[in-house]
PDB file of all heavy atoms in Angstrom:
ATOM      1  N   PHE A   1       1.785 -10.826  -1.988  1.00  0.00           N
ATOM      2  CA  PHE A   1       1.203 -10.161  -3.155  1.00  0.00           C
ATOM      3  C   PHE A   1       1.042  -8.664  -2.912  1.00  0.00           C
ATOM      4  O   PHE A   1       1.448  -7.836  -3.738  1.00  0.00           O
ATOM      5  CB  PHE A   1      -0.149 -10.799  -3.487  1.00  0.00           C
ATOM      6  CG  PHE A   1      -0.923 -10.091  -4.567  1.00  0.00           C
ATOM      7  CD1 PHE A   1      -0.524 -10.185  -5.891  1.00  0.00           C
ATOM      8  CD2 PHE A   1      -2.054  -9.346  -4.261  1.00  0.00           C
ATOM      9  CE1 PHE A   1      -1.224  -9.537  -6.896  1.00  0.00           C
ATOM     10  CE2 PHE A   1      -2.769  -8.701  -5.254  1.00  0.00           C
ATOM     11  CZ  PHE A   1      -2.357  -8.800  -6.578  1.00  0.00           C
ATOM     12  N   ASP A   2       0.471  -8.308  -1.768  1.00  0.00           N
ATOM     13  CA  ASP A   2       0.273  -6.896  -1.440  1.00  0.00           C
ATOM     14  C   ASP A   2       1.610  -6.164  -1.346  1.00  0.00           C
ATOM     15  O   ASP A   2       1.748  -5.020  -1.804  1.00  0.00           O
ATOM     16  CB  ASP A   2      -0.485  -6.757  -0.114  1.00  0.00           C
ATOM     17  CG  ASP A   2      -1.960  -7.107  -0.245  1.00  0.00           C
ATOM     18  OD1 ASP A   2      -2.445  -7.221  -1.389  1.00  0.00           O
ATOM     19  OD2 ASP A   2      -2.633  -7.263   0.793  1.00  0.00           O
ATOM     20  N   THR A   3       2.584  -6.830  -0.741  1.00  0.00           N
ATOM     21  CA  THR A   3       3.913  -6.229  -0.623  1.00  0.00           C
ATOM     22  C   THR A   3       4.529  -6.010  -2.002  1.00  0.00           C
ATOM     23  O   THR A   3       5.114  -4.948  -2.279  1.00  0.00           O
ATOM     24  CB  THR A   3       4.840  -7.129   0.215  1.00  0.00           C
ATOM     25  OG1 THR A   3       4.266  -7.333   1.512  1.00  0.00           O
ATOM     26  CG2 THR A   3       6.217  -6.497   0.368  1.00  0.00           C
ATOM     27  N   SER A   4       4.374  -6.996  -2.874  1.00  0.00           N
ATOM     28  CA  SER A   4       4.922  -6.890  -4.233  1.00  0.00           C
ATOM     29  C   SER A   4       4.278  -5.748  -4.998  1.00  0.00           C
ATOM     30  O   SER A   4       4.968  -4.985  -5.698  1.00  0.00           O
ATOM     31  CB  SER A   4       4.711  -8.207  -4.993  1.00  0.00           C
ATOM     32  OG  SER A   4       5.367  -9.275  -4.359  1.00  0.00           O
ATOM     33  N   MET A   5       2.949  -5.608  -4.881  1.00  0.00           N
ATOM     34  CA  MET A   5       2.252  -4.522  -5.567  1.00  0.00           C
ATOM     35  C   MET A   5       2.753  -3.159  -5.088  1.00  0.00           C
ATOM     36  O   MET A   5       2.954  -2.238  -5.884  1.00  0.00           O
ATOM     37  CB  MET A   5       0.733  -4.617  -5.306  1.00  0.00           C
ATOM     38  CG  MET A   5       0.051  -5.836  -5.893  1.00  0.00           C
ATOM     39  SD  MET A   5       0.137  -5.925  -7.706  1.00  0.00           S
ATOM     40  CE  MET A   5       1.515  -7.090  -7.886  1.00  0.00           C
ATOM     41  N   THR A   6       2.985  -3.057  -3.777  1.00  0.00           N
ATOM     42  CA  THR A   6       3.451  -1.798  -3.205  1.00  0.00           C
ATOM     43  C   THR A   6       4.863  -1.464  -3.682  1.00  0.00           C
ATOM     44  O   THR A   6       5.154  -0.315  -4.049  1.00  0.00           O
ATOM     45  CB  THR A   6       3.434  -1.879  -1.666  1.00  0.00           C
ATOM     46  OG1 THR A   6       2.099  -2.191  -1.224  1.00  0.00           O
ATOM     47  CG2 THR A   6       3.860  -0.561  -1.051  1.00  0.00           C
ATOM     48  N   VAL A   7       5.728  -2.470  -3.682  1.00  0.00           N
ATOM     49  CA  VAL A   7       7.113  -2.260  -4.115  1.00  0.00           C
ATOM     50  C   VAL A   7       7.155  -1.876  -5.599  1.00  0.00           C
ATOM     51  O   VAL A   7       7.873  -0.948  -5.993  1.00  0.00           O
ATOM     52  CB  VAL A   7       7.963  -3.530  -3.872  1.00  0.00           C
ATOM     53  CG1 VAL A   7       9.332  -3.406  -4.539  1.00  0.00           C
ATOM     54  CG2 VAL A   7       8.121  -3.778  -2.382  1.00  0.00           C
ATOM     55  N   ILE A   8       6.384  -2.582  -6.422  1.00  0.00           N
ATOM     56  CA  ILE A   8       6.355  -2.280  -7.861  1.00  0.00           C
ATOM     57  C   ILE A   8       5.852  -0.857  -8.097  1.00  0.00           C
ATOM     58  O   ILE A   8       6.405  -0.109  -8.915  1.00  0.00           O
ATOM     59  CB  ILE A   8       5.474  -3.295  -8.608  1.00  0.00           C
ATOM     60  CG1 ILE A   8       6.131  -4.686  -8.582  1.00  0.00           C
ATOM     61  CG2 ILE A   8       5.245  -2.855 -10.060  1.00  0.00           C
ATOM     62  CD1 ILE A   8       5.249  -5.789  -9.124  1.00  0.00           C
ATOM     63  N   ALA A   9       4.779  -0.484  -7.373  1.00  0.00           N
ATOM     64  CA  ALA A   9       4.234   0.877  -7.510  1.00  0.00           C
ATOM     65  C   ALA A   9       5.267   1.917  -7.097  1.00  0.00           C
ATOM     66  O   ALA A   9       5.397   2.968  -7.732  1.00  0.00           O
ATOM     67  CB  ALA A   9       2.970   1.021  -6.673  1.00  0.00           C
ATOM     68  N   GLY A  10       6.014   1.614  -6.036  1.00  0.00           N
ATOM     69  CA  GLY A  10       7.046   2.533  -5.586  1.00  0.00           C
ATOM     70  C   GLY A  10       8.146   2.714  -6.623  1.00  0.00           C
ATOM     71  O   GLY A  10       8.582   3.842  -6.896  1.00  0.00           O
ATOM     72  N   ILE A  11       8.574   1.613  -7.224  1.00  0.00           N
ATOM     73  CA  ILE A  11       9.610   1.673  -8.263  1.00  0.00           C
ATOM     74  C   ILE A  11       9.097   2.437  -9.487  1.00  0.00           C
ATOM     75  O   ILE A  11       9.818   3.262 -10.064  1.00  0.00           O
ATOM     76  CB  ILE A  11      10.039   0.250  -8.667  1.00  0.00           C
ATOM     77  CG1 ILE A  11      10.760  -0.435  -7.490  1.00  0.00           C
ATOM     78  CG2 ILE A  11      10.958   0.285  -9.895  1.00  0.00           C
ATOM     79  CD1 ILE A  11      11.071  -1.891  -7.725  1.00  0.00           C
ATOM     80  N   MET A  12       7.837   2.176  -9.856  1.00  0.00           N
ATOM     81  CA  MET A  12       7.254   2.884 -10.995  1.00  0.00           C
ATOM     82  C   MET A  12       7.199   4.391 -10.735  1.00  0.00           C
ATOM     83  O   MET A  12       7.470   5.198 -11.628  1.00  0.00           O
ATOM     84  CB  MET A  12       5.844   2.348 -11.274  1.00  0.00           C
ATOM     85  CG  MET A  12       5.820   0.930 -11.811  1.00  0.00           C
ATOM     86  SD  MET A  12       4.142   0.261 -11.957  1.00  0.00           S
ATOM     87  CE  MET A  12       3.453   1.348 -13.181  1.00  0.00           C
ATOM     88  N   GLY A  13       6.839   4.772  -9.496  1.00  0.00           N
ATOM     89  CA  GLY A  13       6.779   6.182  -9.151  1.00  0.00           C
ATOM     90  C   GLY A  13       8.146   6.846  -9.249  1.00  0.00           C
ATOM     91  O   GLY A  13       8.266   7.968  -9.750  1.00  0.00           O
ATOM     92  N   LEU A  14       9.167   6.141  -8.784  1.00  0.00           N
ATOM     93  CA  LEU A  14      10.525   6.687  -8.845  1.00  0.00           C
ATOM     94  C   LEU A  14      10.995   6.854 -10.282  1.00  0.00           C
ATOM     95  O   LEU A  14      11.665   7.834 -10.625  1.00  0.00           O
ATOM     96  CB  LEU A  14      11.483   5.770  -8.078  1.00  0.00           C
ATOM     97  CG  LEU A  14      11.327   5.753  -6.551  1.00  0.00           C
ATOM     98  CD1 LEU A  14      12.214   4.678  -5.946  1.00  0.00           C
ATOM     99  CD2 LEU A  14      11.659   7.120  -5.960  1.00  0.00           C
ATOM    100  N   ILE A  15      10.633   5.886 -11.130  1.00  0.00           N
ATOM    101  CA  ILE A  15      11.050   5.950 -12.532  1.00  0.00           C
ATOM    102  C   ILE A  15      10.274   7.031 -13.293  1.00  0.00           C
ATOM    103  O   ILE A  15      10.855   7.823 -14.040  1.00  0.00           O
ATOM    104  CB  ILE A  15      10.846   4.583 -13.222  1.00  0.00           C
ATOM    105  CG1 ILE A  15      11.811   3.543 -12.625  1.00  0.00           C
ATOM    106  CG2 ILE A  15      11.065   4.688 -14.735  1.00  0.00           C
ATOM    107  CD1 ILE A  15      11.574   2.142 -13.122  1.00  0.00           C
ATOM    108  N   LEU A  16       8.963   7.068 -13.084  1.00  0.00           N
ATOM    109  CA  LEU A  16       8.114   7.987 -13.854  1.00  0.00           C
ATOM    110  C   LEU A  16       8.137   9.419 -13.341  1.00  0.00           C
ATOM    111  O   LEU A  16       8.099  10.371 -14.123  1.00  0.00           O
ATOM    112  CB  LEU A  16       6.672   7.472 -13.855  1.00  0.00           C
ATOM    113  CG  LEU A  16       6.422   6.137 -14.577  1.00  0.00           C
ATOM    114  CD1 LEU A  16       4.995   5.671 -14.316  1.00  0.00           C
ATOM    115  CD2 LEU A  16       6.658   6.290 -16.074  1.00  0.00           C
ATOM    116  N   TYR A  17       8.173   9.565 -12.003  1.00  0.00           N
ATOM    117  CA  TYR A  17       8.021  10.909 -11.425  1.00  0.00           C
ATOM    118  C   TYR A  17       9.176  11.312 -10.502  1.00  0.00           C
ATOM    119  O   TYR A  17       9.133  12.366  -9.893  1.00  0.00           O
ATOM    120  CB  TYR A  17       6.707  10.998 -10.637  1.00  0.00           C
ATOM    121  CG  TYR A  17       5.543  10.335 -11.319  1.00  0.00           C
ATOM    122  CD1 TYR A  17       4.920   9.225 -10.759  1.00  0.00           C
ATOM    123  CD2 TYR A  17       5.048  10.801 -12.544  1.00  0.00           C
ATOM    124  CE1 TYR A  17       3.840   8.603 -11.380  1.00  0.00           C
ATOM    125  CE2 TYR A  17       3.974  10.187 -13.177  1.00  0.00           C
ATOM    126  CZ  TYR A  17       3.376   9.079 -12.589  1.00  0.00           C
ATOM    127  OH  TYR A  17       2.321   8.460 -13.206  1.00  0.00           O
ATOM    128  N   GLN A  18      10.169  10.439 -10.372  1.00  0.00           N
ATOM    129  CA  GLN A  18      11.312  10.681  -9.491  1.00  0.00           C
ATOM    130  C   GLN A  18      10.894  10.867  -8.022  1.00  0.00           C
ATOM    131  O   GLN A  18      11.555  11.565  -7.254  1.00  0.00           O
ATOM    132  CB  GLN A  18      12.127  11.919  -9.946  1.00  0.00           C
ATOM    133  CG  GLN A  18      12.873  11.711 -11.254  1.00  0.00           C
ATOM    134  CD  GLN A  18      11.941  11.715 -12.462  1.00  0.00           C
ATOM    135  OE1 GLN A  18      11.198  12.666 -12.657  1.00  0.00           O
ATOM    136  NE2 GLN A  18      11.977  10.662 -13.270  1.00  0.00           N
ATOM    137  N   GLU A  19       9.805  10.235  -7.628  1.00  0.00           N
ATOM    138  CA  GLU A  19       9.356  10.256  -6.236  1.00  0.00           C
ATOM    139  C   GLU A  19       8.397   9.101  -5.983  1.00  0.00           C
ATOM    140  O   GLU A  19       7.904   8.481  -6.934  1.00  0.00           O
ATOM    141  CB  GLU A  19       8.656  11.574  -5.916  1.00  0.00           C
ATOM    142  CG  GLU A  19       7.389  11.815  -6.724  1.00  0.00           C
ATOM    143  CD  GLU A  19       6.687  13.097  -6.315  1.00  0.00           C
ATOM    144  OE1 GLU A  19       6.939  13.572  -5.202  1.00  0.00           O
ATOM    145  OE2 GLU A  19       5.868  13.607  -7.108  1.00  0.00           O
ATOM    146  N   LEU A  20       8.142   8.817  -4.708  1.00  0.00           N
ATOM    147  CA  LEU A  20       7.177   7.769  -4.352  1.00  0.00           C
ATOM    148  C   LEU A  20       5.776   8.357  -4.493  1.00  0.00           C
ATOM    149  O   LEU A  20       5.088   8.617  -3.498  1.00  0.00           O
ATOM    150  CB  LEU A  20       7.439   7.273  -2.926  1.00  0.00           C
ATOM    151  CG  LEU A  20       8.751   6.514  -2.708  1.00  0.00           C
ATOM    152  CD1 LEU A  20       8.952   6.222  -1.227  1.00  0.00           C
ATOM    153  CD2 LEU A  20       8.751   5.208  -3.504  1.00  0.00           C
ATOM    154  N   ALA A  21       5.341   8.551  -5.714  1.00  0.00           N
ATOM    155  CA  ALA A  21       4.089   9.262  -5.995  1.00  0.00           C
ATOM    156  C   ALA A  21       2.853   8.535  -5.484  1.00  0.00           C
ATOM    157  O   ALA A  21       1.954   9.146  -4.914  1.00  0.00           O
ATOM    158  CB  ALA A  21       3.977   9.511  -7.497  1.00  0.00           C
ATOM    159  N   GLY A  22       2.768   7.235  -5.698  1.00  0.00           N
ATOM    160  CA  GLY A  22       1.543   6.523  -5.346  1.00  0.00           C
ATOM    161  C   GLY A  22       1.640   5.715  -4.074  1.00  0.00           C
ATOM    162  O   GLY A  22       0.674   5.083  -3.651  1.00  0.00           O
ATOM    163  N   VAL A  23       2.809   5.708  -3.468  1.00  0.00           N
ATOM    164  CA  VAL A  23       3.028   4.905  -2.262  1.00  0.00           C
ATOM    165  C   VAL A  23       3.558   5.802  -1.151  1.00  0.00           C
ATOM    166  O   VAL A  23       4.601   6.432  -1.294  1.00  0.00           O
ATOM    167  CB  VAL A  23       4.041   3.765  -2.526  1.00  0.00           C
ATOM    168  CG1 VAL A  23       4.297   2.986  -1.239  1.00  0.00           C
ATOM    169  CG2 VAL A  23       3.543   2.849  -3.624  1.00  0.00           C
ATOM    170  N   ARG A  24       2.798   5.844  -0.046  1.00  0.00           N
ATOM    171  CA  ARG A  24       3.234   6.628   1.108  1.00  0.00           C
ATOM    172  C   ARG A  24       2.821   5.906   2.376  1.00  0.00           C
ATOM    173  O   ARG A  24       2.448   4.729   2.336  1.00  0.00           O
ATOM    174  CB  ARG A  24       2.627   8.043   1.057  1.00  0.00           C
ATOM    175  CG  ARG A  24       3.252   8.942  -0.002  1.00  0.00           C
ATOM    176  CD  ARG A  24       2.730  10.359   0.089  1.00  0.00           C
ATOM    177  NE  ARG A  24       2.911  10.934   1.432  1.00  0.00           N
ATOM    178  CZ  ARG A  24       2.516  12.163   1.748  1.00  0.00           C
ATOM    179  NH1 ARG A  24       1.910  12.923   0.856  1.00  0.00           N
ATOM    180  NH2 ARG A  24       2.701  12.626   2.978  1.00  0.00           N
ATOM    181  N   GLU A  25       2.843   6.613   3.488  1.00  0.00           N
ATOM    182  CA  GLU A  25       2.492   5.987   4.757  1.00  0.00           C
ATOM    183  C   GLU A  25       1.064   5.464   4.771  1.00  0.00           C
ATOM    184  O   GLU A  25       0.736   4.495   5.460  1.00  0.00           O
ATOM    185  CB  GLU A  25       2.703   6.965   5.919  1.00  0.00           C
ATOM    186  CG  GLU A  25       1.874   8.243   5.851  1.00  0.00           C
ATOM    187  CD  GLU A  25       2.536   9.369   5.083  1.00  0.00           C
ATOM    188  OE1 GLU A  25       3.271   9.087   4.116  1.00  0.00           O
ATOM    189  OE2 GLU A  25       2.302  10.534   5.437  1.00  0.00           O
ATOM    190  N   GLY A  26       0.202   6.105   3.965  1.00  0.00           N
ATOM    191  CA  GLY A  26      -1.189   5.665   3.900  1.00  0.00           C
ATOM    192  C   GLY A  26      -1.339   4.260   3.343  1.00  0.00           C
ATOM    193  O   GLY A  26      -2.286   3.546   3.697  1.00  0.00           O
ATOM    194  N   THR A  27      -0.418   3.861   2.491  1.00  0.00           N
ATOM    195  CA  THR A  27      -0.461   2.518   1.922  1.00  0.00           C
ATOM    196  C   THR A  27      -0.258   1.466   3.008  1.00  0.00           C
ATOM    197  O   THR A  27      -0.960   0.448   3.049  1.00  0.00           O
ATOM    198  CB  THR A  27       0.628   2.362   0.836  1.00  0.00           C
ATOM    199  OG1 THR A  27       0.475   3.406  -0.136  1.00  0.00           O
ATOM    200  CG2 THR A  27       0.515   1.020   0.144  1.00  0.00           C
ATOM    201  N   ILE A  28       0.689   1.721   3.893  1.00  0.00           N
ATOM    202  CA  ILE A  28       0.958   0.785   4.990  1.00  0.00           C
ATOM    203  C   ILE A  28      -0.208   0.759   5.971  1.00  0.00           C
ATOM    204  O   ILE A  28      -0.646  -0.307   6.417  1.00  0.00           O
ATOM    205  CB  ILE A  28       2.260   1.178   5.718  1.00  0.00           C
ATOM    206  CG1 ILE A  28       3.441   1.125   4.748  1.00  0.00           C
ATOM    207  CG2 ILE A  28       2.505   0.259   6.917  1.00  0.00           C
ATOM    208  CD1 ILE A  28       4.735   1.647   5.323  1.00  0.00           C
ATOM    209  N   ILE A  29      -0.721   1.944   6.299  1.00  0.00           N
ATOM    210  CA  ILE A  29      -1.862   2.029   7.219  1.00  0.00           C
ATOM    211  C   ILE A  29      -3.064   1.286   6.651  1.00  0.00           C
ATOM    212  O   ILE A  29      -3.755   0.545   7.355  1.00  0.00           O
ATOM    213  CB  ILE A  29      -2.218   3.500   7.499  1.00  0.00           C
ATOM    214  CG1 ILE A  29      -1.081   4.180   8.267  1.00  0.00           C
ATOM    215  CG2 ILE A  29      -3.530   3.609   8.277  1.00  0.00           C
ATOM    216  CD1 ILE A  29      -1.246   5.674   8.435  1.00  0.00           C
ATOM    217  N   ALA A  30      -3.319   1.476   5.350  1.00  0.00           N
ATOM    218  CA  ALA A  30      -4.446   0.806   4.703  1.00  0.00           C
ATOM    219  C   ALA A  30      -4.265  -0.706   4.729  1.00  0.00           C
ATOM    220  O   ALA A  30      -5.222  -1.454   4.975  1.00  0.00           O
ATOM    221  CB  ALA A  30      -4.590   1.297   3.262  1.00  0.00           C
ATOM    222  N   ALA A  31      -3.044  -1.167   4.476  1.00  0.00           N
ATOM    223  CA  ALA A  31      -2.773  -2.603   4.460  1.00  0.00           C
ATOM    224  C   ALA A  31      -3.101  -3.251   5.807  1.00  0.00           C
ATOM    225  O   ALA A  31      -3.573  -4.386   5.870  1.00  0.00           O
ATOM    226  CB  ALA A  31      -1.316  -2.861   4.094  1.00  0.00           C
ATOM    227  N   ILE A  32      -2.873  -2.501   6.888  1.00  0.00           N
ATOM    228  CA  ILE A  32      -3.122  -3.040   8.230  1.00  0.00           C
ATOM    229  C   ILE A  32      -4.572  -2.846   8.656  1.00  0.00           C
ATOM    230  O   ILE A  32      -5.246  -3.787   9.091  1.00  0.00           O
ATOM    231  CB  ILE A  32      -2.185  -2.359   9.259  1.00  0.00           C
ATOM    232  CG1 ILE A  32      -0.727  -2.677   8.922  1.00  0.00           C
ATOM    233  CG2 ILE A  32      -2.520  -2.813  10.674  1.00  0.00           C
ATOM    234  CD1 ILE A  32       0.271  -1.885   9.751  1.00  0.00           C
ATOM    235  N   LEU A  33      -5.074  -1.628   8.519  1.00  0.00           N
ATOM    236  CA  LEU A  33      -6.379  -1.271   9.072  1.00  0.00           C
ATOM    237  C   LEU A  33      -7.547  -1.896   8.321  1.00  0.00           C
ATOM    238  O   LEU A  33      -8.551  -2.292   8.937  1.00  0.00           O
ATOM    239  CB  LEU A  33      -6.525   0.252   9.092  1.00  0.00           C
ATOM    240  CG  LEU A  33      -7.734   0.822   9.843  1.00  0.00           C
ATOM    241  CD1 LEU A  33      -7.752   0.315  11.277  1.00  0.00           C
ATOM    242  CD2 LEU A  33      -7.696   2.347   9.827  1.00  0.00           C
ATOM    243  N   VAL A  34      -7.440  -2.023   6.997  1.00  0.00           N
ATOM    244  CA  VAL A  34      -8.535  -2.604   6.209  1.00  0.00           C
ATOM    245  C   VAL A  34      -8.789  -4.052   6.618  1.00  0.00           C
ATOM    246  O   VAL A  34      -9.926  -4.467   6.846  1.00  0.00           O
ATOM    247  CB  VAL A  34      -8.229  -2.517   4.694  1.00  0.00           C
ATOM    248  CG1 VAL A  34      -9.247  -3.337   3.901  1.00  0.00           C
ATOM    249  CG2 VAL A  34      -8.259  -1.065   4.238  1.00  0.00           C
ATOM    250  N   GLY A  35      -7.709  -4.826   6.728  1.00  0.00           N
ATOM    251  CA  GLY A  35      -7.855  -6.226   7.130  1.00  0.00           C
ATOM    252  C   GLY A  35      -8.396  -6.361   8.536  1.00  0.00           C
ATOM    253  O   GLY A  35      -9.241  -7.233   8.811  1.00  0.00           O
ATOM    254  N   MET A  36      -7.930  -5.501   9.453  1.00  0.00           N
ATOM    255  CA  MET A  36      -8.416  -5.531  10.832  1.00  0.00           C
ATOM    256  C   MET A  36      -9.911  -5.238  10.892  1.00  0.00           C
ATOM    257  O   MET A  36     -10.660  -5.886  11.628  1.00  0.00           O
ATOM    258  CB  MET A  36      -7.650  -4.507  11.676  1.00  0.00           C
ATOM    259  CG  MET A  36      -6.211  -4.883  11.968  1.00  0.00           C
ATOM    260  SD  MET A  36      -5.330  -3.583  12.901  1.00  0.00           S
ATOM    261  CE  MET A  36      -6.365  -3.437  14.359  1.00  0.00           C
ATOM    262  N   THR A  37     -10.353  -4.261  10.094  1.00  0.00           N
ATOM    263  CA  THR A  37     -11.773  -3.894  10.074  1.00  0.00           C
ATOM    264  C   THR A  37     -12.629  -5.032   9.542  1.00  0.00           C
ATOM    265  O   THR A  37     -13.677  -5.362  10.118  1.00  0.00           O
ATOM    266  CB  THR A  37     -11.988  -2.646   9.198  1.00  0.00           C
ATOM    267  OG1 THR A  37     -11.205  -1.565   9.698  1.00  0.00           O
ATOM    268  CG2 THR A  37     -13.452  -2.240   9.182  1.00  0.00           C
ATOM    269  N   ALA A  38     -12.178  -5.656   8.456  1.00  0.00           N
ATOM    270  CA  ALA A  38     -12.927  -6.766   7.854  1.00  0.00           C
ATOM    271  C   ALA A  38     -13.034  -7.935   8.829  1.00  0.00           C
ATOM    272  O   ALA A  38     -14.109  -8.537   8.980  1.00  0.00           O
ATOM    273  CB  ALA A  38     -12.259  -7.202   6.556  1.00  0.00           C
ATOM    274  N   ARG A  39     -11.936  -8.265   9.505  1.00  0.00           N
ATOM    275  CA  ARG A  39     -11.948  -9.380  10.466  1.00  0.00           C
ATOM    276  C   ARG A  39     -12.831  -9.066  11.662  1.00  0.00           C
ATOM    277  O   ARG A  39     -13.551  -9.944  12.167  1.00  0.00           O
ATOM    278  CB  ARG A  39     -10.522  -9.702  10.911  1.00  0.00           C
ATOM    279  CG  ARG A  39      -9.680 -10.400   9.845  1.00  0.00           C
ATOM    280  CD  ARG A  39      -8.375 -10.927  10.420  1.00  0.00           C
ATOM    281  NE  ARG A  39      -7.489  -9.856  10.853  1.00  0.00           N
ATOM    282  CZ  ARG A  39      -6.616  -9.260  10.067  1.00  0.00           C
ATOM    283  NH1 ARG A  39      -6.499  -9.630   8.800  1.00  0.00           N
ATOM    284  NH2 ARG A  39      -5.831  -8.300  10.530  1.00  0.00           N
ATOM    285  N   PHE A  40     -12.795  -7.816  12.130  1.00  0.00           N
ATOM    286  CA  PHE A  40     -13.620  -7.414  13.276  1.00  0.00           C
ATOM    287  C   PHE A  40     -15.106  -7.558  12.939  1.00  0.00           C
ATOM    288  O   PHE A  40     -15.890  -8.109  13.726  1.00  0.00           O
ATOM    289  CB  PHE A  40     -13.301  -5.970  13.655  1.00  0.00           C
ATOM    290  CG  PHE A  40     -14.199  -5.405  14.729  1.00  0.00           C
ATOM    291  CD1 PHE A  40     -13.979  -5.719  16.057  1.00  0.00           C
ATOM    292  CD2 PHE A  40     -15.272  -4.586  14.399  1.00  0.00           C
ATOM    293  CE1 PHE A  40     -14.810  -5.214  17.054  1.00  0.00           C
ATOM    294  CE2 PHE A  40     -16.102  -4.078  15.378  1.00  0.00           C
ATOM    295  CZ  PHE A  40     -15.874  -4.390  16.718  1.00  0.00           C
ATOM    296  N   LEU A  41     -15.504  -7.054  11.770  1.00  0.00           N
ATOM    297  CA  LEU A  41     -16.908  -7.137  11.360  1.00  0.00           C
ATOM    298  C   LEU A  41     -17.337  -8.584  11.169  1.00  0.00           C
ATOM    299  O   LEU A  41     -18.464  -8.969  11.518  1.00  0.00           O
ATOM    300  CB  LEU A  41     -17.125  -6.346  10.072  1.00  0.00           C
ATOM    301  CG  LEU A  41     -17.017  -4.826  10.197  1.00  0.00           C
ATOM    302  CD1 LEU A  41     -17.091  -4.165   8.833  1.00  0.00           C
ATOM    303  CD2 LEU A  41     -18.111  -4.282  11.110  1.00  0.00           C
ATOM    304  N   ASN A  42     -16.447  -9.401  10.624  1.00  0.00           N
ATOM    305  CA  ASN A  42     -16.779 -10.812  10.419  1.00  0.00           C
ATOM    306  C   ASN A  42     -17.013 -11.518  11.753  1.00  0.00           C
ATOM    307  O   ASN A  42     -17.928 -12.335  11.892  1.00  0.00           O
ATOM    308  CB  ASN A  42     -15.664 -11.506   9.647  1.00  0.00           C
ATOM    309  CG  ASN A  42     -16.014 -12.938   9.289  1.00  0.00           C
ATOM    310  OD1 ASN A  42     -17.035 -13.199   8.655  1.00  0.00           O
ATOM    311  ND2 ASN A  42     -15.186 -13.872   9.711  1.00  0.00           N
ATOM    312  N   LYS A  43     -16.181 -11.175  12.738  1.00  0.00           N
ATOM    313  CA  LYS A  43     -16.312 -11.780  14.062  1.00  0.00           C
ATOM    314  C   LYS A  43     -17.597 -11.354  14.748  1.00  0.00           C
ATOM    315  O   LYS A  43     -18.260 -12.158  15.420  1.00  0.00           O
ATOM    316  CB  LYS A  43     -15.105 -11.394  14.921  1.00  0.00           C
ATOM    317  CG  LYS A  43     -15.122 -11.994  16.321  1.00  0.00           C
ATOM    318  CD  LYS A  43     -13.875 -11.587  17.100  1.00  0.00           C
ATOM    319  CE  LYS A  43     -13.904 -12.162  18.510  1.00  0.00           C
ATOM    320  NZ  LYS A  43     -12.686 -11.756  19.290  1.00  0.00           N
TER     321      LYS A  43
END
């Protein structure tokens, strides 16, 4: 689901603005780090 949202956002950015406007390296970092933080706190 997260991957699909990212891909769709990337395609939308290319169509609307001719660039990856809303998707960058921060999206990947957030996808990894947010889950790690939540799991760490839960543990």
